[in-house]
Amino acid sequence: MYLASDLRKGLKFEIDGEPYVIIGFEFKKPGKGQSLYKCKLKNMITGSQFERTYRSGDKFKKADLEEQEMEYLYSDKDSYCFMNTSNYEQHFLTKDQLGDAIDLLKDNTLCTILLYNGLPIGITLPNFINLEVIKSEPWAKGDTATGSTKPAILETGFEVQVPPFIEQGQMIKIDTRTREYVERVNE
C-alpha cells in the first residue's frame, strides 16, 4: 500500500481495478488542515487523463505491474506479436498500445513489455536501434553548411532528419527516446 505522502511523478498505482500513472504532481500545505496532493493521472490501459486531489490520510493499492523482455515477431493487421524470450509465450499488442514506438519497430527487436495482471499494456523500445535508410536524396558535393540536414526514410517507414552524407542503403543509429539520428553504423 502507498500513502498519500508517497505520491510523486511517475508512481504507478491502482484505482477501481485499473492501473494509473501520475504524470503531474503538486503538493500544497494550507495554513490549517491536512496537506493536499494534486495529481494529474493517466489510465495506463485507455490513456484517459484527469486530475484528482488527495488528502494526507489517503491510501492506494500498488498496481500489479511487471516488465518482461520480449522479441517482436510480426504484425497481423492491427495486432503485433511479441514472444517472451524466457518461456516462448506469445502476447499481442494493438496499435494504440504501441503508440509512437510503432514507427521504429522492426522484426526481431528486443523490447520491454509492461504487463498488468499478466496482460500486455505497453512497450519500451531499447534506447538505440539500428535501421536502414531506404530513401534519401543524393549528396551534392560542396553542400557543407554547418548543421544542414536532409530527410531520409527508414526501413520502418519513419522519416528522420540526417546529415547530408548519409546515403540510401546505409545503416544508421536512432535514439528511440528523442527519435533523432545519432550516428552512421558500419555493419
N, C-alpha and C. Protein backbone atom coordinates (compact mmCIF):
# COMPACT_ATOMS: atom_id res chain seq x y z
N MET A 1 0.83 -1.20 0.00
CA MET A 1 0.00 0.00 0.00
C MET A 1 0.87 1.25 0.00
N TYR A 2 0.41 2.23 -0.78
CA TYR A 2 1.07 3.53 -0.77
C TYR A 2 0.25 4.48 0.10
N LEU A 3 0.94 5.42 0.72
CA LEU A 3 0.29 6.50 1.45
C LEU A 3 0.33 7.74 0.57
N ALA A 4 -0.49 8.73 0.90
CA ALA A 4 -0.51 9.97 0.11
C ALA A 4 0.87 10.63 0.10
N SER A 5 1.64 10.48 1.16
CA SER A 5 2.98 11.08 1.21
C SER A 5 3.96 10.41 0.24
N ASP A 6 3.61 9.21 -0.28
CA ASP A 6 4.45 8.51 -1.26
C ASP A 6 4.22 9.01 -2.69
N LEU A 7 3.16 9.78 -2.92
CA LEU A 7 2.82 10.21 -4.27
C LEU A 7 3.92 11.09 -4.86
N ARG A 8 4.24 10.82 -6.13
CA ARG A 8 5.22 11.60 -6.87
C ARG A 8 5.03 11.31 -8.36
N LYS A 9 5.62 12.12 -9.19
CA LYS A 9 5.50 11.93 -10.63
C LYS A 9 6.12 10.58 -11.02
N GLY A 10 5.41 9.82 -11.87
CA GLY A 10 5.89 8.53 -12.34
C GLY A 10 5.43 7.35 -11.51
N LEU A 11 4.83 7.59 -10.33
CA LEU A 11 4.35 6.50 -9.48
C LEU A 11 3.15 5.81 -10.13
N LYS A 12 3.13 4.48 -10.08
CA LYS A 12 2.04 3.71 -10.67
C LYS A 12 1.26 3.02 -9.55
N PHE A 13 -0.07 3.22 -9.56
CA PHE A 13 -0.91 2.57 -8.57
C PHE A 13 -2.26 2.26 -9.17
N GLU A 14 -3.11 1.59 -8.38
CA GLU A 14 -4.39 1.09 -8.88
C GLU A 14 -5.55 1.88 -8.28
N ILE A 15 -6.51 2.25 -9.14
CA ILE A 15 -7.76 2.88 -8.70
C ILE A 15 -8.90 2.12 -9.36
N ASP A 16 -9.84 1.65 -8.58
CA ASP A 16 -11.01 0.93 -9.10
C ASP A 16 -10.61 -0.21 -10.05
N GLY A 17 -9.55 -0.93 -9.72
CA GLY A 17 -9.15 -2.09 -10.51
C GLY A 17 -8.43 -1.80 -11.81
N GLU A 18 -7.97 -0.55 -12.03
CA GLU A 18 -7.23 -0.21 -13.24
C GLU A 18 -5.94 0.52 -12.86
N PRO A 19 -4.85 0.29 -13.64
CA PRO A 19 -3.57 0.94 -13.32
C PRO A 19 -3.51 2.39 -13.82
N TYR A 20 -2.96 3.25 -12.98
CA TYR A 20 -2.78 4.66 -13.32
C TYR A 20 -1.34 5.07 -13.03
N VAL A 21 -0.86 6.06 -13.77
CA VAL A 21 0.46 6.63 -13.53
C VAL A 21 0.27 8.13 -13.31
N ILE A 22 1.05 8.68 -12.36
CA ILE A 22 0.99 10.12 -12.09
C ILE A 22 1.89 10.83 -13.11
N ILE A 23 1.29 11.72 -13.91
CA ILE A 23 2.07 12.45 -14.92
C ILE A 23 2.28 13.92 -14.54
N GLY A 24 1.59 14.35 -13.49
CA GLY A 24 1.76 15.70 -12.97
C GLY A 24 1.48 15.68 -11.49
N PHE A 25 2.27 16.42 -10.70
CA PHE A 25 2.12 16.35 -9.24
C PHE A 25 2.37 17.72 -8.63
N GLU A 26 1.52 18.08 -7.65
CA GLU A 26 1.69 19.34 -6.94
C GLU A 26 1.30 19.14 -5.47
N PHE A 27 2.16 19.57 -4.56
CA PHE A 27 1.91 19.45 -3.12
C PHE A 27 1.52 20.80 -2.56
N LYS A 28 0.46 20.82 -1.74
CA LYS A 28 0.03 22.07 -1.11
C LYS A 28 -0.19 21.82 0.38
N LYS A 29 0.30 22.74 1.20
CA LYS A 29 0.09 22.68 2.64
C LYS A 29 -0.57 23.98 3.05
N PRO A 30 -1.92 23.93 3.19
CA PRO A 30 -2.61 25.16 3.62
C PRO A 30 -2.25 25.50 5.07
N GLY A 31 -2.57 26.69 5.49
CA GLY A 31 -2.28 27.12 6.85
C GLY A 31 -2.92 26.22 7.89
N LYS A 32 -4.14 25.81 7.65
CA LYS A 32 -4.83 24.92 8.57
C LYS A 32 -5.18 23.63 7.82
N GLY A 33 -5.38 22.57 8.56
CA GLY A 33 -5.89 21.35 7.96
C GLY A 33 -4.82 20.45 7.37
N GLN A 34 -5.28 19.47 6.61
CA GLN A 34 -4.41 18.44 6.05
C GLN A 34 -3.69 18.94 4.80
N SER A 35 -2.59 18.26 4.50
CA SER A 35 -1.85 18.53 3.26
C SER A 35 -2.68 18.03 2.08
N LEU A 36 -2.52 18.71 0.95
CA LEU A 36 -3.24 18.32 -0.26
C LEU A 36 -2.24 17.90 -1.34
N TYR A 37 -2.56 16.82 -2.04
CA TYR A 37 -1.73 16.30 -3.12
C TYR A 37 -2.55 16.33 -4.40
N LYS A 38 -2.25 17.28 -5.27
CA LYS A 38 -2.98 17.41 -6.53
C LYS A 38 -2.22 16.63 -7.60
N CYS A 39 -2.89 15.64 -8.18
CA CYS A 39 -2.24 14.75 -9.14
C CYS A 39 -2.96 14.77 -10.48
N LYS A 40 -2.19 14.76 -11.55
CA LYS A 40 -2.74 14.54 -12.88
C LYS A 40 -2.45 13.08 -13.19
N LEU A 41 -3.50 12.29 -13.40
CA LEU A 41 -3.39 10.85 -13.58
C LEU A 41 -3.69 10.44 -15.01
N LYS A 42 -3.01 9.37 -15.45
CA LYS A 42 -3.25 8.81 -16.78
C LYS A 42 -3.54 7.32 -16.62
N ASN A 43 -4.66 6.88 -17.20
CA ASN A 43 -5.02 5.47 -17.19
C ASN A 43 -4.05 4.75 -18.13
N MET A 44 -3.38 3.72 -17.64
CA MET A 44 -2.35 3.04 -18.43
C MET A 44 -2.94 2.09 -19.47
N ILE A 45 -4.24 1.82 -19.40
CA ILE A 45 -4.88 0.95 -20.38
C ILE A 45 -5.58 1.78 -21.46
N THR A 46 -6.41 2.73 -21.04
CA THR A 46 -7.18 3.51 -22.01
C THR A 46 -6.48 4.80 -22.46
N GLY A 47 -5.55 5.30 -21.64
CA GLY A 47 -4.85 6.54 -21.97
C GLY A 47 -5.59 7.79 -21.53
N SER A 48 -6.77 7.65 -20.94
CA SER A 48 -7.53 8.83 -20.50
C SER A 48 -6.82 9.51 -19.32
N GLN A 49 -6.98 10.83 -19.25
CA GLN A 49 -6.30 11.62 -18.21
C GLN A 49 -7.32 12.45 -17.44
N PHE A 50 -7.04 12.66 -16.15
CA PHE A 50 -7.86 13.53 -15.32
C PHE A 50 -7.05 13.97 -14.11
N GLU A 51 -7.55 15.00 -13.43
CA GLU A 51 -6.89 15.49 -12.22
C GLU A 51 -7.71 15.09 -11.00
N ARG A 52 -7.02 14.80 -9.91
CA ARG A 52 -7.69 14.44 -8.66
C ARG A 52 -6.82 14.92 -7.51
N THR A 53 -7.48 15.39 -6.44
CA THR A 53 -6.77 15.86 -5.26
C THR A 53 -6.98 14.88 -4.12
N TYR A 54 -5.88 14.52 -3.45
CA TYR A 54 -5.93 13.59 -2.33
C TYR A 54 -5.48 14.29 -1.06
N ARG A 55 -5.93 13.76 0.08
CA ARG A 55 -5.54 14.30 1.39
C ARG A 55 -4.48 13.40 2.01
N SER A 56 -3.82 13.89 3.05
CA SER A 56 -2.67 13.19 3.62
C SER A 56 -3.00 11.81 4.19
N GLY A 57 -4.23 11.50 4.54
CA GLY A 57 -4.58 10.20 5.11
C GLY A 57 -4.95 9.14 4.08
N ASP A 58 -5.04 9.50 2.80
CA ASP A 58 -5.48 8.55 1.77
C ASP A 58 -4.44 7.46 1.53
N LYS A 59 -4.95 6.26 1.17
CA LYS A 59 -4.09 5.11 0.88
C LYS A 59 -4.40 4.59 -0.52
N PHE A 60 -3.39 3.97 -1.15
CA PHE A 60 -3.52 3.50 -2.52
C PHE A 60 -2.94 2.09 -2.64
N LYS A 61 -3.57 1.29 -3.50
CA LYS A 61 -3.11 -0.07 -3.74
C LYS A 61 -2.05 -0.06 -4.84
N LYS A 62 -0.99 -0.82 -4.63
CA LYS A 62 0.05 -0.95 -5.66
C LYS A 62 -0.53 -1.70 -6.85
N ALA A 63 -0.18 -1.24 -8.05
CA ALA A 63 -0.64 -1.91 -9.27
C ALA A 63 0.22 -3.15 -9.50
N ASP A 64 -0.40 -4.23 -9.95
CA ASP A 64 0.30 -5.49 -10.23
C ASP A 64 0.96 -5.39 -11.60
N LEU A 65 2.07 -4.65 -11.65
CA LEU A 65 2.78 -4.42 -12.91
C LEU A 65 4.07 -5.21 -12.94
N GLU A 66 4.41 -5.69 -14.13
CA GLU A 66 5.62 -6.48 -14.32
C GLU A 66 6.20 -6.14 -15.69
N GLU A 67 7.51 -6.08 -15.78
CA GLU A 67 8.17 -5.85 -17.06
C GLU A 67 8.89 -7.11 -17.48
N GLN A 68 8.74 -7.48 -18.76
CA GLN A 68 9.41 -8.66 -19.29
C GLN A 68 10.05 -8.33 -20.64
N GLU A 69 11.20 -8.93 -20.88
CA GLU A 69 11.86 -8.74 -22.17
C GLU A 69 11.21 -9.65 -23.20
N MET A 70 10.80 -9.07 -24.31
CA MET A 70 10.15 -9.83 -25.37
C MET A 70 10.71 -9.41 -26.72
N GLU A 71 10.59 -10.32 -27.68
CA GLU A 71 11.09 -10.08 -29.03
C GLU A 71 9.91 -9.86 -29.97
N TYR A 72 9.98 -8.79 -30.77
CA TYR A 72 8.92 -8.52 -31.74
C TYR A 72 9.06 -9.50 -32.90
N LEU A 73 7.96 -10.21 -33.21
CA LEU A 73 8.00 -11.21 -34.27
C LEU A 73 7.37 -10.72 -35.57
N TYR A 74 6.09 -10.33 -35.53
CA TYR A 74 5.39 -9.95 -36.76
C TYR A 74 4.14 -9.16 -36.42
N SER A 75 3.55 -8.55 -37.49
CA SER A 75 2.27 -7.85 -37.31
C SER A 75 1.23 -8.51 -38.19
N ASP A 76 0.00 -8.48 -37.71
CA ASP A 76 -1.13 -9.07 -38.43
C ASP A 76 -2.26 -8.05 -38.39
N LYS A 77 -2.35 -7.22 -39.42
CA LYS A 77 -3.31 -6.11 -39.49
C LYS A 77 -3.11 -5.16 -38.31
N ASP A 78 -4.00 -5.21 -37.30
CA ASP A 78 -3.91 -4.27 -36.19
C ASP A 78 -3.29 -4.85 -34.93
N SER A 79 -2.81 -6.10 -34.96
CA SER A 79 -2.17 -6.66 -33.77
C SER A 79 -0.71 -6.98 -34.07
N TYR A 80 0.11 -6.84 -33.03
CA TYR A 80 1.55 -7.03 -33.15
C TYR A 80 1.97 -8.11 -32.16
N CYS A 81 2.68 -9.12 -32.67
CA CYS A 81 3.03 -10.29 -31.87
C CYS A 81 4.42 -10.15 -31.26
N PHE A 82 4.50 -10.38 -29.95
CA PHE A 82 5.75 -10.37 -29.21
C PHE A 82 5.92 -11.71 -28.50
N MET A 83 7.16 -12.22 -28.46
CA MET A 83 7.42 -13.50 -27.82
C MET A 83 8.31 -13.29 -26.60
N ASN A 84 7.88 -13.87 -25.48
CA ASN A 84 8.67 -13.84 -24.26
C ASN A 84 9.94 -14.64 -24.52
N THR A 85 11.11 -14.05 -24.28
CA THR A 85 12.37 -14.72 -24.60
C THR A 85 12.74 -15.81 -23.61
N SER A 86 12.06 -15.87 -22.46
CA SER A 86 12.41 -16.90 -21.48
C SER A 86 11.51 -18.13 -21.57
N ASN A 87 10.21 -17.94 -21.84
CA ASN A 87 9.31 -19.12 -21.89
C ASN A 87 8.61 -19.29 -23.24
N TYR A 88 8.93 -18.45 -24.23
CA TYR A 88 8.41 -18.53 -25.60
C TYR A 88 6.90 -18.31 -25.69
N GLU A 89 6.30 -17.75 -24.68
CA GLU A 89 4.87 -17.42 -24.70
C GLU A 89 4.68 -16.17 -25.56
N GLN A 90 3.60 -16.14 -26.34
CA GLN A 90 3.35 -15.00 -27.23
C GLN A 90 2.26 -14.10 -26.67
N HIS A 91 2.46 -12.79 -26.84
CA HIS A 91 1.48 -11.78 -26.43
C HIS A 91 1.23 -10.86 -27.62
N PHE A 92 0.02 -10.33 -27.72
CA PHE A 92 -0.34 -9.44 -28.81
C PHE A 92 -0.69 -8.07 -28.26
N LEU A 93 -0.18 -7.03 -28.92
CA LEU A 93 -0.49 -5.65 -28.57
C LEU A 93 -1.14 -4.99 -29.77
N THR A 94 -1.97 -3.98 -29.50
CA THR A 94 -2.64 -3.24 -30.57
C THR A 94 -1.80 -2.01 -30.95
N LYS A 95 -2.21 -1.36 -32.05
CA LYS A 95 -1.53 -0.13 -32.47
C LYS A 95 -1.59 0.93 -31.38
N ASP A 96 -2.74 1.03 -30.72
CA ASP A 96 -2.90 2.04 -29.66
C ASP A 96 -1.95 1.77 -28.49
N GLN A 97 -1.76 0.50 -28.15
CA GLN A 97 -0.86 0.17 -27.04
C GLN A 97 0.60 0.46 -27.40
N LEU A 98 0.94 0.32 -28.67
CA LEU A 98 2.32 0.59 -29.10
C LEU A 98 2.61 2.08 -29.19
N GLY A 99 1.61 2.87 -29.58
CA GLY A 99 1.79 4.31 -29.70
C GLY A 99 2.85 4.68 -30.72
N ASP A 100 3.75 5.61 -30.37
CA ASP A 100 4.79 6.08 -31.27
C ASP A 100 5.88 5.04 -31.52
N ALA A 101 5.96 4.03 -30.68
CA ALA A 101 7.00 3.00 -30.83
C ALA A 101 6.86 2.26 -32.15
N ILE A 102 5.67 2.27 -32.72
CA ILE A 102 5.41 1.54 -33.96
C ILE A 102 6.27 2.06 -35.11
N ASP A 103 6.63 3.36 -35.07
CA ASP A 103 7.44 3.96 -36.14
C ASP A 103 8.85 3.39 -36.21
N LEU A 104 9.38 2.91 -35.10
CA LEU A 104 10.77 2.45 -35.05
C LEU A 104 10.89 0.95 -34.81
N LEU A 105 9.79 0.23 -34.84
CA LEU A 105 9.77 -1.20 -34.53
C LEU A 105 10.06 -2.04 -35.76
N LYS A 106 11.11 -2.86 -35.67
CA LYS A 106 11.42 -3.76 -36.79
C LYS A 106 11.49 -5.19 -36.25
N ASP A 107 11.37 -6.16 -37.15
CA ASP A 107 11.36 -7.57 -36.76
C ASP A 107 12.58 -7.92 -35.91
N ASN A 108 12.35 -8.82 -34.94
CA ASN A 108 13.39 -9.37 -34.05
C ASN A 108 14.00 -8.35 -33.10
N THR A 109 13.33 -7.22 -32.87
CA THR A 109 13.80 -6.24 -31.91
C THR A 109 13.43 -6.69 -30.50
N LEU A 110 14.40 -6.66 -29.58
CA LEU A 110 14.12 -6.99 -28.18
C LEU A 110 13.59 -5.74 -27.49
N CYS A 111 12.39 -5.85 -26.89
CA CYS A 111 11.71 -4.74 -26.24
C CYS A 111 11.36 -5.13 -24.81
N THR A 112 11.00 -4.15 -24.01
CA THR A 112 10.48 -4.42 -22.67
C THR A 112 8.98 -4.17 -22.72
N ILE A 113 8.21 -5.21 -22.37
CA ILE A 113 6.75 -5.11 -22.40
C ILE A 113 6.25 -4.97 -20.96
N LEU A 114 5.36 -4.02 -20.74
CA LEU A 114 4.76 -3.81 -19.43
C LEU A 114 3.48 -4.63 -19.34
N LEU A 115 3.40 -5.49 -18.33
CA LEU A 115 2.24 -6.36 -18.14
C LEU A 115 1.48 -5.94 -16.89
N TYR A 116 0.16 -5.91 -16.99
CA TYR A 116 -0.71 -5.64 -15.84
C TYR A 116 -1.59 -6.88 -15.65
N ASN A 117 -1.45 -7.54 -14.52
CA ASN A 117 -2.15 -8.80 -14.24
C ASN A 117 -1.94 -9.82 -15.36
N GLY A 118 -0.73 -9.85 -15.92
CA GLY A 118 -0.38 -10.81 -16.97
C GLY A 118 -0.76 -10.40 -18.37
N LEU A 119 -1.44 -9.26 -18.53
CA LEU A 119 -1.85 -8.79 -19.87
C LEU A 119 -0.97 -7.62 -20.30
N PRO A 120 -0.49 -7.62 -21.55
CA PRO A 120 0.38 -6.53 -22.01
C PRO A 120 -0.40 -5.22 -22.17
N ILE A 121 0.20 -4.12 -21.67
CA ILE A 121 -0.47 -2.81 -21.80
C ILE A 121 0.44 -1.74 -22.38
N GLY A 122 1.75 -2.02 -22.49
CA GLY A 122 2.64 -1.00 -23.01
C GLY A 122 3.98 -1.58 -23.41
N ILE A 123 4.80 -0.73 -24.05
CA ILE A 123 6.08 -1.17 -24.58
C ILE A 123 7.14 -0.09 -24.36
N THR A 124 8.37 -0.54 -24.14
CA THR A 124 9.52 0.35 -24.10
C THR A 124 10.56 -0.21 -25.06
N LEU A 125 10.93 0.58 -26.05
CA LEU A 125 11.95 0.17 -27.02
C LEU A 125 13.33 0.30 -26.38
N PRO A 126 14.33 -0.40 -26.94
CA PRO A 126 15.70 -0.15 -26.47
C PRO A 126 16.06 1.31 -26.74
N ASN A 127 17.03 1.85 -26.00
CA ASN A 127 17.38 3.26 -26.15
C ASN A 127 17.85 3.60 -27.56
N PHE A 128 18.56 2.66 -28.20
CA PHE A 128 19.06 2.90 -29.55
C PHE A 128 18.68 1.72 -30.44
N ILE A 129 18.39 2.02 -31.71
CA ILE A 129 18.05 0.97 -32.66
C ILE A 129 18.69 1.30 -34.00
N ASN A 130 19.21 0.27 -34.68
CA ASN A 130 19.84 0.46 -35.98
C ASN A 130 18.83 0.17 -37.08
N LEU A 131 18.68 1.12 -38.02
CA LEU A 131 17.73 0.97 -39.12
C LEU A 131 18.40 1.35 -40.43
N GLU A 132 17.93 0.74 -41.51
CA GLU A 132 18.48 1.01 -42.84
C GLU A 132 17.74 2.17 -43.50
N VAL A 133 18.50 3.04 -44.18
CA VAL A 133 17.92 4.13 -44.95
C VAL A 133 17.48 3.56 -46.29
N ILE A 134 16.18 3.64 -46.60
CA ILE A 134 15.70 3.10 -47.88
C ILE A 134 15.49 4.19 -48.93
N LYS A 135 15.41 5.45 -48.48
CA LYS A 135 15.25 6.54 -49.45
C LYS A 135 15.89 7.80 -48.88
N SER A 136 16.77 8.38 -49.68
CA SER A 136 17.44 9.61 -49.29
C SER A 136 17.94 10.31 -50.55
N GLU A 137 17.82 11.61 -50.58
CA GLU A 137 18.29 12.38 -51.73
C GLU A 137 19.82 12.31 -51.78
N PRO A 138 20.41 12.30 -52.98
CA PRO A 138 21.88 12.25 -53.07
C PRO A 138 22.52 13.52 -52.51
N TRP A 139 23.75 13.38 -52.08
CA TRP A 139 24.51 14.48 -51.50
C TRP A 139 25.15 15.29 -52.61
N ALA A 140 24.89 16.58 -52.62
CA ALA A 140 25.50 17.47 -53.60
C ALA A 140 26.86 17.90 -53.07
N LYS A 141 27.92 17.60 -53.82
CA LYS A 141 29.27 17.92 -53.37
C LYS A 141 29.39 19.43 -53.16
N GLY A 142 29.99 19.79 -52.05
CA GLY A 142 30.14 21.20 -51.72
C GLY A 142 29.02 21.71 -50.82
N ASP A 143 28.03 20.88 -50.59
CA ASP A 143 26.92 21.25 -49.70
C ASP A 143 27.33 20.93 -48.27
N THR A 144 28.17 21.81 -47.71
CA THR A 144 28.74 21.52 -46.39
C THR A 144 28.37 22.55 -45.35
N ALA A 145 27.22 23.17 -45.49
CA ALA A 145 26.80 24.15 -44.50
C ALA A 145 26.69 23.47 -43.14
N THR A 146 27.20 24.10 -42.12
CA THR A 146 27.20 23.53 -40.78
C THR A 146 25.77 23.34 -40.29
N GLY A 147 25.50 22.16 -39.79
CA GLY A 147 24.18 21.88 -39.24
C GLY A 147 23.12 21.57 -40.27
N SER A 148 23.48 21.45 -41.54
CA SER A 148 22.46 21.16 -42.55
C SER A 148 22.05 19.69 -42.48
N THR A 149 20.78 19.45 -42.72
CA THR A 149 20.24 18.09 -42.70
C THR A 149 19.31 17.90 -43.89
N LYS A 150 18.97 16.64 -44.12
CA LYS A 150 18.02 16.31 -45.18
C LYS A 150 17.14 15.18 -44.67
N PRO A 151 15.93 15.02 -45.24
CA PRO A 151 15.06 13.93 -44.78
C PRO A 151 15.50 12.59 -45.36
N ALA A 152 15.32 11.54 -44.57
CA ALA A 152 15.60 10.18 -45.02
C ALA A 152 14.48 9.28 -44.52
N ILE A 153 14.05 8.34 -45.35
CA ILE A 153 13.00 7.40 -44.96
C ILE A 153 13.68 6.08 -44.60
N LEU A 154 13.32 5.56 -43.42
CA LEU A 154 13.94 4.34 -42.91
C LEU A 154 13.11 3.11 -43.28
N GLU A 155 13.66 1.92 -43.05
CA GLU A 155 13.01 0.67 -43.42
C GLU A 155 11.66 0.46 -42.76
N THR A 156 11.39 1.14 -41.66
CA THR A 156 10.09 1.03 -41.00
C THR A 156 9.07 2.03 -41.55
N GLY A 157 9.53 2.93 -42.44
CA GLY A 157 8.65 3.95 -42.99
C GLY A 157 8.76 5.28 -42.26
N PHE A 158 9.53 5.33 -41.19
CA PHE A 158 9.70 6.54 -40.39
C PHE A 158 10.65 7.50 -41.11
N GLU A 159 10.32 8.80 -41.09
CA GLU A 159 11.18 9.82 -41.71
C GLU A 159 11.94 10.55 -40.62
N VAL A 160 13.25 10.68 -40.84
CA VAL A 160 14.13 11.33 -39.86
C VAL A 160 15.07 12.28 -40.60
N GLN A 161 15.52 13.33 -39.91
CA GLN A 161 16.49 14.26 -40.48
C GLN A 161 17.89 13.71 -40.23
N VAL A 162 18.69 13.65 -41.31
CA VAL A 162 20.05 13.10 -41.24
C VAL A 162 21.03 14.08 -41.87
N PRO A 163 22.34 13.93 -41.57
CA PRO A 163 23.35 14.77 -42.23
C PRO A 163 23.37 14.48 -43.73
N PRO A 164 23.87 15.41 -44.53
CA PRO A 164 23.84 15.25 -45.99
C PRO A 164 24.67 14.08 -46.53
N PHE A 165 25.65 13.57 -45.77
CA PHE A 165 26.49 12.48 -46.28
C PHE A 165 25.84 11.10 -46.16
N ILE A 166 24.69 10.99 -45.50
CA ILE A 166 24.00 9.70 -45.37
C ILE A 166 23.35 9.37 -46.71
N GLU A 167 23.58 8.12 -47.17
CA GLU A 167 23.06 7.69 -48.47
C GLU A 167 22.11 6.51 -48.31
N GLN A 168 21.36 6.27 -49.36
CA GLN A 168 20.44 5.14 -49.40
C GLN A 168 21.21 3.83 -49.21
N GLY A 169 20.67 2.92 -48.40
CA GLY A 169 21.29 1.62 -48.17
C GLY A 169 22.19 1.58 -46.94
N GLN A 170 22.50 2.73 -46.35
CA GLN A 170 23.35 2.75 -45.16
C GLN A 170 22.53 2.48 -43.90
N MET A 171 23.19 1.93 -42.88
CA MET A 171 22.57 1.70 -41.58
C MET A 171 22.89 2.89 -40.69
N ILE A 172 21.87 3.38 -39.96
CA ILE A 172 22.09 4.47 -39.03
C ILE A 172 21.51 4.11 -37.67
N LYS A 173 22.04 4.75 -36.63
CA LYS A 173 21.57 4.54 -35.27
C LYS A 173 20.59 5.66 -34.91
N ILE A 174 19.43 5.27 -34.38
CA ILE A 174 18.39 6.23 -33.97
C ILE A 174 18.21 6.13 -32.45
N ASP A 175 18.10 7.28 -31.79
CA ASP A 175 17.78 7.31 -30.36
C ASP A 175 16.26 7.24 -30.25
N THR A 176 15.72 6.16 -29.68
CA THR A 176 14.27 5.96 -29.64
C THR A 176 13.58 6.91 -28.68
N ARG A 177 14.30 7.52 -27.75
CA ARG A 177 13.69 8.46 -26.80
C ARG A 177 13.44 9.81 -27.46
N THR A 178 14.41 10.27 -28.27
CA THR A 178 14.27 11.56 -28.94
C THR A 178 13.83 11.43 -30.39
N ARG A 179 13.90 10.19 -30.93
CA ARG A 179 13.52 9.87 -32.31
C ARG A 179 14.40 10.63 -33.31
N GLU A 180 15.69 10.79 -32.98
CA GLU A 180 16.62 11.53 -33.82
C GLU A 180 17.81 10.67 -34.23
N TYR A 181 18.44 11.08 -35.32
CA TYR A 181 19.67 10.44 -35.83
C TYR A 181 20.79 10.60 -34.80
N VAL A 182 21.58 9.52 -34.59
CA VAL A 182 22.72 9.59 -33.69
C VAL A 182 24.02 9.48 -34.46
N GLU A 183 24.18 8.38 -35.25
CA GLU A 183 25.40 8.19 -35.99
C GLU A 183 25.20 7.16 -37.09
N ARG A 184 26.17 7.11 -38.00
CA ARG A 184 26.18 6.09 -39.04
C ARG A 184 26.76 4.81 -38.44
N VAL A 185 26.24 3.65 -38.87
CA VAL A 185 26.68 2.38 -38.32
C VAL A 185 27.32 1.56 -39.44
N ASN A 186 28.48 0.98 -39.17
CA ASN A 186 29.14 0.10 -40.14
C ASN A 186 28.85 -1.35 -39.76
N GLU A 187 28.09 -2.03 -40.59
CA GLU A 187 27.75 -3.44 -40.30
C GLU A 187 28.28 -4.34 -41.37
